[in-house]
Protein backbone atom coordinates (compact mmCIF):
# COMPACT_ATOMS: atom_id res chain seq x y z
CA SER A 1 -3.62 93.76 78.11
CA LEU A 2 -2.88 95.70 74.94
CA LYS A 3 -4.66 99.01 74.48
CA LYS A 4 -5.04 100.59 71.07
CA MET A 5 -2.86 98.12 69.16
CA ASP A 6 -0.86 99.78 66.41
CA HIS A 7 0.97 96.84 64.84
CA HIS A 8 3.16 93.84 65.59
CA CYS A 9 6.86 94.62 65.30
CA ILE A 10 9.10 91.76 64.27
CA TRP A 11 12.23 93.70 65.32
CA ILE A 12 11.29 93.68 68.98
CA ASN A 13 8.94 90.65 68.73
CA ASN A 14 6.11 92.47 70.42
CA CYS A 15 2.90 94.28 69.60
CA ILE A 16 3.08 98.06 69.70
CA GLY A 17 0.26 99.77 71.54
CA ILE A 18 -0.37 102.90 73.53
CA LEU A 19 1.61 101.69 76.55
CA ASN A 20 4.87 101.01 74.68
CA GLN A 21 4.55 103.53 71.84
CA LYS A 22 7.10 105.86 73.44
CA ASN A 23 9.68 103.09 73.69
CA PHE A 24 9.12 102.10 70.07
CA ILE A 25 9.48 105.67 68.81
CA LEU A 26 12.64 106.12 70.86
CA PHE A 27 13.96 102.84 69.43
CA LEU A 28 13.35 104.13 65.89
CA LEU A 29 14.95 107.47 66.72
CA TYR A 30 18.05 105.80 68.19
CA VAL A 31 18.41 103.46 65.21
CA SER A 32 18.18 106.48 62.90
CA ILE A 33 20.88 108.28 64.85
CA TYR A 34 23.03 105.14 64.80
CA CYS A 35 22.69 104.84 61.00
CA ILE A 36 23.77 108.45 60.55
CA TRP A 37 26.67 107.95 62.96
CA ASN A 38 27.67 104.75 61.18
CA PHE A 39 27.71 106.53 57.80
CA VAL A 40 29.81 109.38 59.23
CA ILE A 41 32.34 106.93 60.70
CA ILE A 42 32.58 104.95 57.44
CA PHE A 43 32.98 108.11 55.36
CA THR A 44 35.56 109.63 57.74
CA GLY A 45 37.50 106.37 57.89
CA ALA A 46 37.59 106.14 54.11
CA ILE A 47 38.86 109.71 53.78
CA ILE A 48 41.58 109.18 56.38
CA TYR A 49 42.62 105.88 54.79
CA VAL A 50 42.92 107.49 51.36
CA GLN A 51 44.86 110.44 52.78
CA LEU A 52 47.33 108.11 54.47
CA ASN A 53 47.75 105.67 51.57
CA GLY A 54 46.88 107.68 48.48
CA ILE A 55 44.63 106.43 45.71
CA HIS A 56 47.24 104.21 44.08
CA PHE A 57 47.65 101.55 46.74
CA LYS A 58 47.07 97.89 46.07
CA TYR A 59 43.61 97.44 47.62
CA PHE A 60 42.01 100.77 46.64
CA ASN A 61 39.26 99.16 44.52
CA LEU A 62 38.40 96.70 47.30
CA MET A 63 38.21 99.53 49.81
CA LYS A 64 35.90 101.50 47.51
CA LEU A 65 33.64 98.45 47.19
CA VAL A 66 33.52 97.93 50.97
CA PHE A 67 32.82 101.64 51.51
CA LEU A 68 29.99 101.61 48.98
CA ILE A 69 28.40 98.46 50.40
CA LEU A 70 28.55 99.67 54.01
CA SER A 71 27.31 103.13 53.03
CA ALA A 72 24.43 101.65 51.04
CA ILE A 73 23.41 99.47 53.98
CA SER A 74 23.49 102.45 56.35
CA VAL A 75 21.46 104.65 54.01
CA PHE A 76 18.96 101.85 53.32
CA PHE A 77 18.35 101.25 57.02
CA LEU A 78 18.18 104.98 57.66
CA LEU A 79 15.50 105.48 55.00
CA PHE A 80 13.56 102.44 56.20
CA VAL A 81 13.61 103.48 59.85
CA VAL A 82 12.86 107.15 59.13
CA ASP A 83 9.83 106.03 57.10
CA PHE A 84 8.62 103.98 60.06
CA LEU A 85 9.26 106.89 62.41
CA TRP A 86 7.38 109.26 60.11
CA GLU A 87 4.45 106.85 59.89
CA GLN A 88 4.30 106.57 63.68
CA MET A 89 4.38 110.34 64.17
CA ILE A 90 1.65 110.88 61.57
CA GLY A 91 -0.44 108.21 63.29
CA ILE A 92 -0.06 109.97 66.62
CA ILE A 93 -0.88 113.38 65.16
CA GLU A 94 -3.93 112.04 63.30
CA ASN A 95 -5.01 109.88 66.24
CA GLN A 96 -5.02 106.76 64.07
CA THR A 97 -3.10 103.52 64.33
CA ILE A 98 -1.48 101.70 61.40
CA VAL A 99 -4.10 98.96 61.70
CA GLU A 100 -6.88 101.56 61.39
CA SER A 101 -5.21 103.25 58.44
CA ARG A 102 -4.79 99.92 56.62
CA LYS A 103 -8.48 99.14 57.19
CA LEU A 104 -9.38 102.64 55.96
CA VAL A 105 -11.21 103.41 59.20
CA PHE A 106 -12.05 107.10 59.23
CA GLY A 107 -14.55 109.28 60.94
CA ARG A 108 -14.60 111.34 64.08
CA PRO A 109 -11.69 110.38 66.28
CA VAL A 110 -12.63 108.93 69.64
CA TYR A 111 -10.74 110.26 72.63
CA HIS A 112 -8.49 107.54 73.98
CA ASN A 113 -5.38 109.32 75.34
CA PHE A 114 -3.42 108.59 72.17
CA LYS A 115 -1.77 111.99 71.92
CA ILE A 116 1.83 113.12 71.71
CA GLY A 117 1.73 114.61 75.21
CA ASN A 118 0.60 111.29 76.66
CA ILE A 119 3.34 109.41 74.86
CA TYR A 120 6.28 111.71 75.55
CA GLY A 121 5.07 113.12 78.85
CA LYS A 122 4.44 116.70 79.76
CA CYS A 123 7.16 119.29 79.41
CA LYS A 124 8.05 121.49 82.39
CA ALA A 125 6.12 124.42 80.91
CA ASP A 126 2.91 122.37 81.04
CA ILE A 127 3.26 121.32 84.67
CA ARG A 128 1.37 123.63 86.96
CA GLY A 129 1.01 123.60 90.68
């Protein structure tokens, strides 16, 4: 059963709820890190290639085009995923799902264990006993 449905994600072909929220947020975080890493690799590769071949080699314009396209794709995905990640974090902080925010459901939040500590687990400082 799905508790506190947030939304249906077409990337993982599953509904996101309270039981798999942590996995979804980690997925978004890892995709964000991958996009940054991808951009760094593309940029570093382009700099090394230009240093080895100079700017007057035969395929310089083609390489610039490829660099720009790959960089634009990485930045686009990074912005898209970071927006999703931000929206998820705000939803957790405000105790509201995306479905509730789209329906403009407001009012006193009802306690339903939809808090950051329940999603990420307790840190060692919180564990007593």
